[in-house]
């Protein structure tokens, strides 16, 4: 099992990563609804977690 290393935080939140792996595109593929529940395993810095929380307003992340 790998562990989150704070040394990599800069890359995990970088513009390059957002360009290559757009959170919006990834999340849109899941076709989530406001009432859904989402479990973000290995969330790290919250790259997908925070955008997910905006979509599932009535559900849980």
PDB file of N, CA and C in Angstrom:
ATOM      1  N   UNK A   1       0.855  -1.167   0.000  1.00  0.00           N
ATOM      2  CA  UNK A   1       0.000   0.000   0.000  1.00  0.00           C
ATOM      3  C   UNK A   1       0.901   1.230   0.000  1.00  0.00           C
ATOM      4  N   UNK A   2       0.611   2.164  -0.870  1.00  0.00           N
ATOM      5  CA  UNK A   2       1.394   3.399  -0.900  1.00  0.00           C
ATOM      6  C   UNK A   2       0.805   4.402   0.076  1.00  0.00           C
ATOM      7  N   UNK A   3       1.637   5.355   0.466  1.00  0.00           N
ATOM      8  CA  UNK A   3       1.196   6.404   1.381  1.00  0.00           C
ATOM      9  C   UNK A   3       1.405   7.751   0.725  1.00  0.00           C
ATOM     10  N   UNK A   4       0.572   8.683   1.082  1.00  0.00           N
ATOM     11  CA  UNK A   4       0.684  10.047   0.564  1.00  0.00           C
ATOM     12  C   UNK A   4       1.980  10.671   1.062  1.00  0.00           C
ATOM     13  N   UNK A   5       2.751  11.224   0.146  1.00  0.00           N
ATOM     14  CA  UNK A   5       4.002  11.903   0.486  1.00  0.00           C
ATOM     15  C   UNK A   5       3.835  13.388   0.205  1.00  0.00           C
ATOM     16  N   UNK A   6       3.873  14.237   1.230  1.00  0.00           N
ATOM     17  CA  UNK A   6       3.676  15.681   1.048  1.00  0.00           C
ATOM     18  C   UNK A   6       4.644  16.318   0.050  1.00  0.00           C
ATOM     19  N   UNK A   7       5.778  15.657  -0.214  1.00  0.00           N
ATOM     20  CA  UNK A   7       6.737  16.204  -1.186  1.00  0.00           C
ATOM     21  C   UNK A   7       6.132  16.291  -2.583  1.00  0.00           C
ATOM     22  N   UNK A   8       5.117  15.493  -2.839  1.00  0.00           N
ATOM     23  CA  UNK A   8       4.508  15.457  -4.167  1.00  0.00           C
ATOM     24  C   UNK A   8       3.281  16.356  -4.293  1.00  0.00           C
ATOM     25  N   UNK A   9       2.966  17.087  -3.262  1.00  0.00           N
ATOM     26  CA  UNK A   9       1.762  17.929  -3.264  1.00  0.00           C
ATOM     27  C   UNK A   9       1.772  18.946  -4.399  1.00  0.00           C
ATOM     28  N   UNK A  10       2.921  19.530  -4.682  1.00  0.00           N
ATOM     29  CA  UNK A  10       2.997  20.535  -5.752  1.00  0.00           C
ATOM     30  C   UNK A  10       2.569  19.941  -7.089  1.00  0.00           C
ATOM     31  N   UNK A  11       3.020  18.720  -7.400  1.00  0.00           N
ATOM     32  CA  UNK A  11       2.624  18.088  -8.660  1.00  0.00           C
ATOM     33  C   UNK A  11       1.142  17.718  -8.643  1.00  0.00           C
ATOM     34  N   UNK A  12       0.680  17.201  -7.519  1.00  0.00           N
ATOM     35  CA  UNK A  12      -0.708  16.746  -7.440  1.00  0.00           C
ATOM     36  C   UNK A  12      -1.703  17.869  -7.679  1.00  0.00           C
ATOM     37  N   UNK A  13      -1.322  19.089  -7.379  1.00  0.00           N
ATOM     38  CA  UNK A  13      -2.200  20.245  -7.587  1.00  0.00           C
ATOM     39  C   UNK A  13      -1.745  21.144  -8.736  1.00  0.00           C
ATOM     40  N   UNK A  14      -0.838  20.651  -9.564  1.00  0.00           N
ATOM     41  CA  UNK A  14      -0.253  21.489 -10.617  1.00  0.00           C
ATOM     42  C   UNK A  14      -1.207  21.742 -11.788  1.00  0.00           C
ATOM     43  N   UNK A  15      -0.945  22.822 -12.500  1.00  0.00           N
ATOM     44  CA  UNK A  15      -1.724  23.148 -13.700  1.00  0.00           C
ATOM     45  C   UNK A  15      -1.536  22.075 -14.763  1.00  0.00           C
ATOM     46  N   UNK A  16      -0.324  21.518 -14.836  1.00  0.00           N
ATOM     47  CA  UNK A  16      -0.053  20.465 -15.820  1.00  0.00           C
ATOM     48  C   UNK A  16      -0.947  19.249 -15.571  1.00  0.00           C
ATOM     49  N   UNK A  17      -1.077  18.847 -14.322  1.00  0.00           N
ATOM     50  CA  UNK A  17      -1.933  17.700 -14.006  1.00  0.00           C
ATOM     51  C   UNK A  17      -3.387  18.024 -14.311  1.00  0.00           C
ATOM     52  N   UNK A  18      -3.825  19.222 -13.983  1.00  0.00           N
ATOM     53  CA  UNK A  18      -5.209  19.607 -14.265  1.00  0.00           C
ATOM     54  C   UNK A  18      -5.473  19.628 -15.766  1.00  0.00           C
ATOM     55  N   UNK A  19      -4.447  19.986 -16.554  1.00  0.00           N
ATOM     56  CA  UNK A  19      -4.589  19.993 -18.012  1.00  0.00           C
ATOM     57  C   UNK A  19      -4.685  18.561 -18.543  1.00  0.00           C
ATOM     58  N   UNK A  20      -3.814  17.690 -18.056  1.00  0.00           N
ATOM     59  CA  UNK A  20      -3.771  16.312 -18.543  1.00  0.00           C
ATOM     60  C   UNK A  20      -4.914  15.451 -18.014  1.00  0.00           C
ATOM     61  N   UNK A  21      -5.332  15.737 -16.787  1.00  0.00           N
ATOM     62  CA  UNK A  21      -6.375  14.938 -16.147  1.00  0.00           C
ATOM     63  C   UNK A  21      -7.410  15.889 -15.566  1.00  0.00           C
ATOM     64  N   UNK A  22      -8.176  16.475 -16.430  1.00  0.00           N
ATOM     65  CA  UNK A  22      -9.158  17.479 -16.030  1.00  0.00           C
ATOM     66  C   UNK A  22     -10.169  16.894 -15.043  1.00  0.00           C
ATOM     67  N   UNK A  23     -10.236  17.442 -13.826  1.00  0.00           N
ATOM     68  CA  UNK A  23     -11.219  16.939 -12.866  1.00  0.00           C
ATOM     69  C   UNK A  23     -12.643  17.001 -13.417  1.00  0.00           C
ATOM     70  N   UNK A  24     -12.958  18.044 -14.136  1.00  0.00           N
ATOM     71  CA  UNK A  24     -14.302  18.193 -14.689  1.00  0.00           C
ATOM     72  C   UNK A  24     -14.628  17.071 -15.668  1.00  0.00           C
ATOM     73  N   UNK A  25     -13.660  16.722 -16.539  1.00  0.00           N
ATOM     74  CA  UNK A  25     -13.889  15.645 -17.510  1.00  0.00           C
ATOM     75  C   UNK A  25     -14.048  14.299 -16.810  1.00  0.00           C
ATOM     76  N   UNK A  26     -13.172  14.040 -15.840  1.00  0.00           N
ATOM     77  CA  UNK A  26     -13.228  12.771 -15.112  1.00  0.00           C
ATOM     78  C   UNK A  26     -14.564  12.638 -14.384  1.00  0.00           C
ATOM     79  N   UNK A  27     -14.960  13.684 -13.694  1.00  0.00           N
ATOM     80  CA  UNK A  27     -16.198  13.657 -12.921  1.00  0.00           C
ATOM     81  C   UNK A  27     -17.418  13.534 -13.830  1.00  0.00           C
ATOM     82  N   UNK A  28     -17.384  14.174 -14.983  1.00  0.00           N
ATOM     83  CA  UNK A  28     -18.535  14.100 -15.893  1.00  0.00           C
ATOM     84  C   UNK A  28     -18.770  12.672 -16.385  1.00  0.00           C
ATOM     85  N   UNK A  29     -17.724  11.879 -16.473  1.00  0.00           N
ATOM     86  CA  UNK A  29     -17.865  10.484 -16.908  1.00  0.00           C
ATOM     87  C   UNK A  29     -18.642   9.646 -15.894  1.00  0.00           C
ATOM     88  N   UNK A  30     -18.647  10.071 -14.646  1.00  0.00           N
ATOM     89  CA  UNK A  30     -19.346   9.322 -13.596  1.00  0.00           C
ATOM     90  C   UNK A  30     -20.848   9.588 -13.586  1.00  0.00           C
ATOM     91  N   UNK A  31     -21.287  10.626 -14.283  1.00  0.00           N
ATOM     92  CA  UNK A  31     -22.713  10.972 -14.363  1.00  0.00           C
ATOM     93  C   UNK A  31     -23.362  11.037 -12.974  1.00  0.00           C
ATOM     94  N   UNK A  32     -22.752  11.788 -12.089  1.00  0.00           N
ATOM     95  CA  UNK A  32     -23.237  11.913 -10.710  1.00  0.00           C
ATOM     96  C   UNK A  32     -24.445  12.829 -10.619  1.00  0.00           C
ATOM     97  N   UNK A  33     -25.237  12.588  -9.591  1.00  0.00           N
ATOM     98  CA  UNK A  33     -26.390  13.433  -9.302  1.00  0.00           C
ATOM     99  C   UNK A  33     -26.210  14.058  -7.923  1.00  0.00           C
ATOM    100  N   UNK A  34     -26.974  15.102  -7.638  1.00  0.00           N
ATOM    101  CA  UNK A  34     -26.833  15.852  -6.388  1.00  0.00           C
ATOM    102  C   UNK A  34     -27.008  15.007  -5.135  1.00  0.00           C
ATOM    103  N   UNK A  35     -27.745  13.920  -5.233  1.00  0.00           N
ATOM    104  CA  UNK A  35     -28.037  13.106  -4.056  1.00  0.00           C
ATOM    105  C   UNK A  35     -27.079  11.926  -3.878  1.00  0.00           C
ATOM    106  N   UNK A  36     -26.124  11.755  -4.773  1.00  0.00           N
ATOM    107  CA  UNK A  36     -25.225  10.604  -4.744  1.00  0.00           C
ATOM    108  C   UNK A  36     -24.213  10.679  -3.603  1.00  0.00           C
ATOM    109  N   UNK A  37     -23.661   9.515  -3.275  1.00  0.00           N
ATOM    110  CA  UNK A  37     -22.583   9.399  -2.306  1.00  0.00           C
ATOM    111  C   UNK A  37     -21.330   8.993  -3.067  1.00  0.00           C
ATOM    112  N   UNK A  38     -20.180   9.581  -2.713  1.00  0.00           N
ATOM    113  CA  UNK A  38     -18.924   9.294  -3.398  1.00  0.00           C
ATOM    114  C   UNK A  38     -17.849   9.002  -2.360  1.00  0.00           C
ATOM    115  N   UNK A  39     -17.065   7.957  -2.585  1.00  0.00           N
ATOM    116  CA  UNK A  39     -15.929   7.641  -1.739  1.00  0.00           C
ATOM    117  C   UNK A  39     -14.674   7.854  -2.571  1.00  0.00           C
ATOM    118  N   UNK A  40     -13.856   8.811  -2.192  1.00  0.00           N
ATOM    119  CA  UNK A  40     -12.624   9.131  -2.915  1.00  0.00           C
ATOM    120  C   UNK A  40     -11.452   8.502  -2.170  1.00  0.00           C
ATOM    121  N   UNK A  41     -11.103   7.279  -2.555  1.00  0.00           N
ATOM    122  CA  UNK A  41      -9.985   6.580  -1.919  1.00  0.00           C
ATOM    123  C   UNK A  41      -8.666   7.168  -2.391  1.00  0.00           C
ATOM    124  N   UNK A  42      -7.736   7.337  -1.488  1.00  0.00           N
ATOM    125  CA  UNK A  42      -6.444   7.909  -1.851  1.00  0.00           C
ATOM    126  C   UNK A  42      -6.581   9.339  -2.310  1.00  0.00           C
ATOM    127  N   UNK A  43      -7.360  10.115  -1.596  1.00  0.00           N
ATOM    128  CA  UNK A  43      -7.711  11.474  -2.022  1.00  0.00           C
ATOM    129  C   UNK A  43      -6.531  12.438  -2.089  1.00  0.00           C
ATOM    130  N   UNK A  44      -5.461  12.155  -1.386  1.00  0.00           N
ATOM    131  CA  UNK A  44      -4.287  13.037  -1.436  1.00  0.00           C
ATOM    132  C   UNK A  44      -4.628  14.465  -1.063  1.00  0.00           C
ATOM    133  N   UNK A  45      -4.425  15.376  -1.996  1.00  0.00           N
ATOM    134  CA  UNK A  45      -4.673  16.800  -1.734  1.00  0.00           C
ATOM    135  C   UNK A  45      -6.113  17.215  -2.022  1.00  0.00           C
ATOM    136  N   UNK A  46      -6.933  16.290  -2.457  1.00  0.00           N
ATOM    137  CA  UNK A  46      -8.329  16.623  -2.753  1.00  0.00           C
ATOM    138  C   UNK A  46      -8.550  17.055  -4.188  1.00  0.00           C
ATOM    139  N   UNK A  47      -7.678  16.643  -5.085  1.00  0.00           N
ATOM    140  CA  UNK A  47      -7.732  17.008  -6.504  1.00  0.00           C
ATOM    141  C   UNK A  47      -9.122  16.778  -7.096  1.00  0.00           C
ATOM    142  N   UNK A  48      -9.728  15.656  -6.775  1.00  0.00           N
ATOM    143  CA  UNK A  48     -11.091  15.371  -7.240  1.00  0.00           C
ATOM    144  C   UNK A  48     -12.131  15.588  -6.141  1.00  0.00           C
ATOM    145  N   UNK A  49     -11.716  15.465  -4.898  1.00  0.00           N
ATOM    146  CA  UNK A  49     -12.652  15.548  -3.777  1.00  0.00           C
ATOM    147  C   UNK A  49     -13.415  16.857  -3.740  1.00  0.00           C
ATOM    148  N   UNK A  50     -12.712  17.962  -3.836  1.00  0.00           N
ATOM    149  CA  UNK A  50     -13.367  19.264  -3.732  1.00  0.00           C
ATOM    150  C   UNK A  50     -14.306  19.535  -4.914  1.00  0.00           C
ATOM    151  N   UNK A  51     -13.898  19.260  -6.154  1.00  0.00           N
ATOM    152  CA  UNK A  51     -14.858  19.420  -7.257  1.00  0.00           C
ATOM    153  C   UNK A  51     -16.061  18.477  -7.122  1.00  0.00           C
ATOM    154  N   UNK A  52     -15.834  17.264  -6.617  1.00  0.00           N
ATOM    155  CA  UNK A  52     -16.942  16.327  -6.413  1.00  0.00           C
ATOM    156  C   UNK A  52     -17.956  16.874  -5.419  1.00  0.00           C
ATOM    157  N   UNK A  53     -17.467  17.518  -4.382  1.00  0.00           N
ATOM    158  CA  UNK A  53     -18.371  18.033  -3.350  1.00  0.00           C
ATOM    159  C   UNK A  53     -19.290  19.127  -3.883  1.00  0.00           C
ATOM    160  N   UNK A  54     -18.886  19.784  -4.954  1.00  0.00           N
ATOM    161  CA  UNK A  54     -19.730  20.808  -5.560  1.00  0.00           C
ATOM    162  C   UNK A  54     -20.883  20.188  -6.349  1.00  0.00           C
ATOM    163  N   UNK A  55     -20.689  18.968  -6.822  1.00  0.00           N
ATOM    164  CA  UNK A  55     -21.700  18.307  -7.644  1.00  0.00           C
ATOM    165  C   UNK A  55     -22.716  17.554  -6.789  1.00  0.00           C
ATOM    166  N   UNK A  56     -22.239  16.840  -5.787  1.00  0.00           N
ATOM    167  CA  UNK A  56     -23.144  16.048  -4.947  1.00  0.00           C
ATOM    168  C   UNK A  56     -23.523  16.845  -3.695  1.00  0.00           C
ATOM    169  N   UNK A  57     -24.191  17.942  -3.926  1.00  0.00           N
ATOM    170  CA  UNK A  57     -24.549  18.883  -2.861  1.00  0.00           C
ATOM    171  C   UNK A  57     -25.387  18.254  -1.755  1.00  0.00           C
ATOM    172  N   UNK A  58     -26.322  17.402  -2.128  1.00  0.00           N
ATOM    173  CA  UNK A  58     -27.222  16.797  -1.141  1.00  0.00           C
ATOM    174  C   UNK A  58     -26.725  15.425  -0.696  1.00  0.00           C
ATOM    175  N   UNK A  59     -25.737  14.905  -1.386  1.00  0.00           N
ATOM    176  CA  UNK A  59     -25.164  13.616  -1.033  1.00  0.00           C
ATOM    177  C   UNK A  59     -23.968  13.808  -0.124  1.00  0.00           C
ATOM    178  N   UNK A  60     -23.021  12.904  -0.216  1.00  0.00           N
ATOM    179  CA  UNK A  60     -21.829  12.973   0.631  1.00  0.00           C
ATOM    180  C   UNK A  60     -20.610  12.599  -0.185  1.00  0.00           C
ATOM    181  N   UNK A  61     -19.476  13.228   0.164  1.00  0.00           N
ATOM    182  CA  UNK A  61     -18.184  12.879  -0.430  1.00  0.00           C
ATOM    183  C   UNK A  61     -17.262  12.503   0.702  1.00  0.00           C
TER     184      UNK A  61
END
